[in-house]
Protein backbone atom coordinates (compact mmCIF):
# COMPACT_ATOMS: atom_id res chain seq x y z
CA MET A 1 0.00 0.00 0.00
CA ASN A 2 1.26 3.47 -0.83
CA LEU A 3 0.35 6.73 0.77
CA SER A 4 1.29 9.30 -1.80
CA ARG A 5 1.06 12.87 -2.92
CA ARG A 6 0.83 13.03 -6.69
CA SER A 7 2.35 16.31 -7.70
CA PHE A 8 2.09 18.04 -11.01
CA LEU A 9 3.40 21.30 -12.36
CA ALA A 10 0.73 23.93 -12.82
CA ALA A 11 0.86 26.39 -15.70
CA SER A 12 2.26 29.00 -13.34
CA GLY A 13 5.15 26.71 -12.49
CA VAL A 14 3.89 26.16 -8.94
CA ALA A 15 3.68 22.55 -7.82
CA ALA A 16 0.31 21.34 -6.55
CA ALA A 17 -0.41 18.15 -4.60
CA ARG A 18 -3.44 15.94 -4.23
CA PRO A 19 -3.38 13.70 -1.15
CA ALA A 20 -4.12 10.07 -2.05
CA LEU A 21 -4.55 6.69 -0.43
CA GLU A 22 -3.86 3.79 -2.77
CA ASN A 23 -3.13 0.12 -3.21
CA SER A 24 -2.63 -1.99 -6.35
CA ARG A 25 -6.37 -1.90 -7.17
CA LEU A 26 -7.77 1.43 -6.04
CA ARG A 27 -6.67 5.02 -5.55
CA LEU A 28 -8.66 7.52 -3.46
CA GLU A 29 -7.97 11.26 -3.76
CA PHE A 30 -8.83 13.87 -1.13
CA ASP A 31 -9.09 17.64 -0.80
CA SER A 32 -6.64 18.66 1.92
CA ARG A 33 -8.62 21.90 2.56
CA THR A 34 -11.92 20.13 3.33
CA GLY A 35 -10.87 16.56 4.16
CA THR A 36 -13.38 15.18 1.65
CA LEU A 37 -13.09 12.51 -1.02
CA THR A 38 -12.69 14.12 -4.47
CA GLY A 39 -12.12 11.13 -6.73
CA PHE A 40 -11.11 7.54 -7.16
CA GLN A 41 -9.34 5.50 -9.80
CA ASN A 42 -9.52 1.81 -10.66
CA GLN A 43 -5.78 1.00 -10.77
CA LEU A 44 -6.43 -2.15 -12.86
CA THR A 45 -8.30 -0.41 -15.71
CA GLY A 46 -7.18 3.20 -15.30
CA GLU A 47 -10.80 4.41 -15.12
CA SER A 48 -11.27 7.50 -12.95
CA CYS A 49 -14.30 9.11 -11.40
CA ALA A 50 -14.63 12.54 -9.80
CA VAL A 51 -16.58 12.76 -6.55
CA SER A 52 -18.32 15.78 -5.07
CA GLY A 53 -20.68 16.07 -2.11
CA ASP A 54 -18.73 13.89 0.32
CA GLU A 55 -20.24 15.88 3.18
CA PHE A 56 -21.86 14.71 6.40
CA ALA A 57 -24.58 16.30 8.53
CA VAL A 58 -25.77 15.66 12.09
CA GLU A 59 -29.17 16.31 13.58
CA ALA A 60 -30.23 15.94 17.21
CA ARG A 61 -33.27 17.18 19.10
CA GLU A 62 -31.11 20.01 20.44
CA PHE A 63 -29.26 21.02 17.25
CA ARG A 64 -28.75 20.52 13.54
CA VAL A 65 -25.31 20.97 11.97
CA GLU A 66 -24.53 20.87 8.24
CA PHE A 67 -21.05 20.21 6.83
CA PRO A 68 -20.14 23.87 6.06
CA GLU A 69 -20.65 24.72 9.75
CA PHE A 70 -17.82 22.40 10.83
CA GLN A 71 -14.20 23.52 11.11
CA LEU A 72 -11.58 21.09 9.81
CA GLU A 73 -9.07 20.62 12.64
CA SER A 74 -6.78 18.15 10.87
CA ALA A 75 -6.49 15.96 7.80
CA THR A 76 -3.73 13.38 8.04
CA PHE A 77 -2.53 10.09 6.67
CA VAL A 78 -1.81 7.23 9.04
CA PRO A 79 -0.76 3.77 7.86
CA GLY A 80 -3.60 2.45 5.70
CA ALA A 81 -5.98 5.35 6.30
CA PHE A 82 -6.83 9.00 5.71
CA LYS A 83 -8.32 10.72 8.77
CA ALA A 84 -10.06 14.06 9.05
CA ILE A 85 -11.21 15.60 12.32
CA TYR A 86 -13.91 18.29 12.38
CA ARG A 87 -15.13 20.49 15.19
CA HIS A 88 -18.32 22.36 15.93
CA ARG A 89 -19.31 23.89 19.25
CA GLN A 90 -21.80 21.00 19.74
CA LEU A 91 -19.66 18.04 18.70
CA ARG A 92 -16.48 16.55 17.26
CA VAL A 93 -16.57 14.34 14.16
CA GLU A 94 -13.79 12.00 13.06
CA VAL A 95 -13.95 10.61 9.52
CA ALA A 96 -11.59 7.83 8.48
CA TYR A 97 -11.22 6.25 5.06
CA THR A 98 -9.42 2.91 5.07
CA LEU A 99 -8.17 0.86 2.16
CA GLY A 100 -7.00 -2.70 2.77
CA ARG A 101 -3.84 -3.99 1.15
CA ASP A 102 -5.55 -5.97 -1.63
CA HIS A 103 -9.08 -4.60 -1.42
CA ALA A 104 -10.95 -3.22 -4.42
CA PHE A 105 -13.14 -1.20 -2.05
CA ALA A 106 -12.67 1.43 0.61
CA GLU A 107 -14.43 1.89 3.93
CA LYS A 108 -15.61 5.15 5.45
CA ARG A 109 -16.04 5.33 9.21
CA VAL A 110 -17.65 8.31 10.97
CA VAL A 111 -17.36 8.76 14.75
CA LEU A 112 -19.51 11.41 16.47
CA THR A 113 -18.56 12.71 19.92
CA PRO A 114 -21.06 15.25 21.27
CA ASP A 115 -19.95 17.73 23.94
CA HIS A 116 -22.98 16.80 26.04
CA ALA A 117 -25.84 14.28 26.11
CA CYS A 118 -28.16 14.76 23.17
CA GLY A 119 -31.00 13.06 21.36
CA LEU A 120 -29.44 12.04 18.05
CA THR A 121 -32.15 11.82 15.38
CA ARG A 122 -30.37 11.74 12.00
CA VAL A 123 -26.88 11.32 10.59
CA VAL A 124 -26.05 11.83 6.92
CA LEU A 125 -22.75 10.06 6.14
CA SER A 126 -22.32 11.54 2.67
CA ARG A 127 -24.19 12.99 -0.30
CA PRO A 128 -21.86 11.85 -3.09
CA GLU A 129 -22.23 12.70 -6.75
CA PHE A 130 -20.06 10.87 -9.26
CA SER A 131 -18.95 12.11 -12.65
CA ALA A 132 -16.91 10.47 -15.41
CA PRO A 133 -17.27 10.16 -19.19
CA GLY A 134 -19.91 7.53 -19.99
CA ILE A 135 -20.69 6.75 -16.36
CA GLU A 136 -23.94 4.93 -15.63
CA ILE A 137 -25.21 4.73 -12.08
CA LEU A 138 -27.22 1.59 -11.34
CA CYS A 139 -29.43 1.17 -8.30
CA TYR A 140 -28.93 -2.04 -6.35
CA GLN A 141 -31.98 -3.13 -4.41
CA HIS A 142 -30.91 -4.58 -1.08
CA PRO A 143 -33.03 -7.59 -0.16
CA THR A 144 -35.47 -7.14 2.69
CA PHE A 145 -35.46 -9.34 5.76
CA GLU A 146 -38.81 -10.80 4.69
CA LEU A 147 -37.42 -11.72 1.26
CA LEU A 148 -34.42 -13.45 2.82
CA GLU A 149 -36.63 -15.39 5.23
CA ALA A 150 -38.91 -16.49 2.37
CA GLN A 151 -35.93 -18.02 0.56
CA HIS A 152 -35.17 -20.43 3.44
């Protein structure tokens, strides 16, 4: 697994970097200013997809906080993961993307730590939108418990 910063020379001659988490099958790219996922690439085929809207939201009986209201405290790479920590006066949110050594998928984990007891009512993990030439998004219907039971 490689943790890398792919640099390229901009027209102005200033180097720019895009933080990335990658293995032999998948590459995830992040925005270091927001801590959000901005794209991924299938390392086996070379196909890439841009991602926007990787933003969470938290709602409790006492408050509602949307992504722009959070302050990014840190965005760092640790072995096998990209972690971003956000702060709001009501709570702390830690987001971690992990990518296993030979996995063709990534995992996103979100940990909420409120400053005080609250009645959590809704958590939005992400609102992703994907864009790539010729992309087709297919809906996968997860089976219901009743359907699974009926098959046995």
